[in-house]
């Protein structure tokens, strides 16, 4: 059953359907960008010690979703 009115749902099911997710540590995608954000709740992910950021979470195999 699809939840209605949840502001976090923005058609992610189109590109996440059948994608395997894995728990892993955060890693910067490039030297210019040291953080990333959750696709659903917009929590900040960083690999360094930051009070307001998470260091682990779920990601796809290509680490781009």
C-alpha atoms as a PDB file:
ATOM      1  CA  UNK A   1       0.000   0.000   0.000  1.00  0.00           C
ATOM      2  CA  UNK A   2       1.444   3.356  -1.029  1.00  0.00           C
ATOM      3  CA  UNK A   3       1.541   6.084   1.625  1.00  0.00           C
ATOM      4  CA  UNK A   4      -0.012   9.342   0.561  1.00  0.00           C
ATOM      5  CA  UNK A   5       1.044  12.784   1.626  1.00  0.00           C
ATOM      6  CA  UNK A   6       4.578  11.782   2.664  1.00  0.00           C
ATOM      7  CA  UNK A   7       6.826  14.652   1.556  1.00  0.00           C
ATOM      8  CA  UNK A   8       9.830  12.303   1.308  1.00  0.00           C
ATOM      9  CA  UNK A   9       8.291  10.264  -1.514  1.00  0.00           C
ATOM     10  CA  UNK A  10       9.248  11.917  -4.797  1.00  0.00           C
ATOM     11  CA  UNK A  11       9.034   9.033  -7.297  1.00  0.00           C
ATOM     12  CA  UNK A  12      12.126   7.229  -6.007  1.00  0.00           C
ATOM     13  CA  UNK A  13      10.344   3.962  -6.767  1.00  0.00           C
ATOM     14  CA  UNK A  14      11.035   4.583 -10.475  1.00  0.00           C
ATOM     15  CA  UNK A  15      14.799   4.242 -10.100  1.00  0.00           C
ATOM     16  CA  UNK A  16      15.003   2.150  -6.921  1.00  0.00           C
ATOM     17  CA  UNK A  17      12.692  -0.694  -7.925  1.00  0.00           C
ATOM     18  CA  UNK A  18      14.595  -4.014  -7.655  1.00  0.00           C
ATOM     19  CA  UNK A  19      17.830  -2.249  -6.588  1.00  0.00           C
ATOM     20  CA  UNK A  20      19.746  -4.036  -3.841  1.00  0.00           C
ATOM     21  CA  UNK A  21      20.676  -1.718  -0.982  1.00  0.00           C
ATOM     22  CA  UNK A  22      23.655  -2.293   1.300  1.00  0.00           C
ATOM     23  CA  UNK A  23      24.670  -0.822   4.671  1.00  0.00           C
ATOM     24  CA  UNK A  24      28.047   0.904   4.428  1.00  0.00           C
ATOM     25  CA  UNK A  25      30.180   3.763   5.671  1.00  0.00           C
ATOM     26  CA  UNK A  26      29.978   7.132   3.987  1.00  0.00           C
ATOM     27  CA  UNK A  27      32.735   8.041   1.534  1.00  0.00           C
ATOM     28  CA  UNK A  28      33.165  11.281  -0.414  1.00  0.00           C
ATOM     29  CA  UNK A  29      32.363  11.030  -4.123  1.00  0.00           C
ATOM     30  CA  UNK A  30      35.035  13.560  -5.039  1.00  0.00           C
ATOM     31  CA  UNK A  31      37.683  15.755  -3.450  1.00  0.00           C
ATOM     32  CA  UNK A  32      35.495  18.825  -4.040  1.00  0.00           C
ATOM     33  CA  UNK A  33      32.462  17.372  -2.234  1.00  0.00           C
ATOM     34  CA  UNK A  34      32.937  15.917   1.254  1.00  0.00           C
ATOM     35  CA  UNK A  35      29.283  15.118   1.967  1.00  0.00           C
ATOM     36  CA  UNK A  36      26.059  13.751   0.500  1.00  0.00           C
ATOM     37  CA  UNK A  37      22.377  13.738   1.458  1.00  0.00           C
ATOM     38  CA  UNK A  38      19.802  10.978   1.947  1.00  0.00           C
ATOM     39  CA  UNK A  39      17.376  10.658  -0.977  1.00  0.00           C
ATOM     40  CA  UNK A  40      14.446  10.257   1.424  1.00  0.00           C
ATOM     41  CA  UNK A  41      14.988  12.358   4.553  1.00  0.00           C
ATOM     42  CA  UNK A  42      17.815  14.665   3.392  1.00  0.00           C
ATOM     43  CA  UNK A  43      20.042  13.729   6.354  1.00  0.00           C
ATOM     44  CA  UNK A  44      23.653  14.743   5.776  1.00  0.00           C
ATOM     45  CA  UNK A  45      26.303  11.999   5.375  1.00  0.00           C
ATOM     46  CA  UNK A  46      30.023  12.660   5.902  1.00  0.00           C
ATOM     47  CA  UNK A  47      32.990  10.396   6.558  1.00  0.00           C
ATOM     48  CA  UNK A  48      34.660  12.783   9.005  1.00  0.00           C
ATOM     49  CA  UNK A  49      33.642  13.551  12.574  1.00  0.00           C
ATOM     50  CA  UNK A  50      30.744  15.974  12.257  1.00  0.00           C
ATOM     51  CA  UNK A  51      28.146  16.460  14.955  1.00  0.00           C
ATOM     52  CA  UNK A  52      25.289  17.055  12.517  1.00  0.00           C
ATOM     53  CA  UNK A  53      26.079  14.266  10.015  1.00  0.00           C
ATOM     54  CA  UNK A  54      25.640  10.496   9.747  1.00  0.00           C
ATOM     55  CA  UNK A  55      28.615   8.304   8.901  1.00  0.00           C
ATOM     56  CA  UNK A  56      26.783   5.119   7.796  1.00  0.00           C
ATOM     57  CA  UNK A  57      23.655   4.288   5.847  1.00  0.00           C
ATOM     58  CA  UNK A  58      22.106   2.332   3.006  1.00  0.00           C
ATOM     59  CA  UNK A  59      23.353   2.738  -0.555  1.00  0.00           C
ATOM     60  CA  UNK A  60      23.024   1.025  -3.930  1.00  0.00           C
ATOM     61  CA  UNK A  61      25.902  -0.938  -5.491  1.00  0.00           C
ATOM     62  CA  UNK A  62      26.874   2.051  -7.632  1.00  0.00           C
ATOM     63  CA  UNK A  63      26.791   4.327  -4.516  1.00  0.00           C
ATOM     64  CA  UNK A  64      24.930   6.898  -6.589  1.00  0.00           C
ATOM     65  CA  UNK A  65      21.379   6.354  -5.316  1.00  0.00           C
END
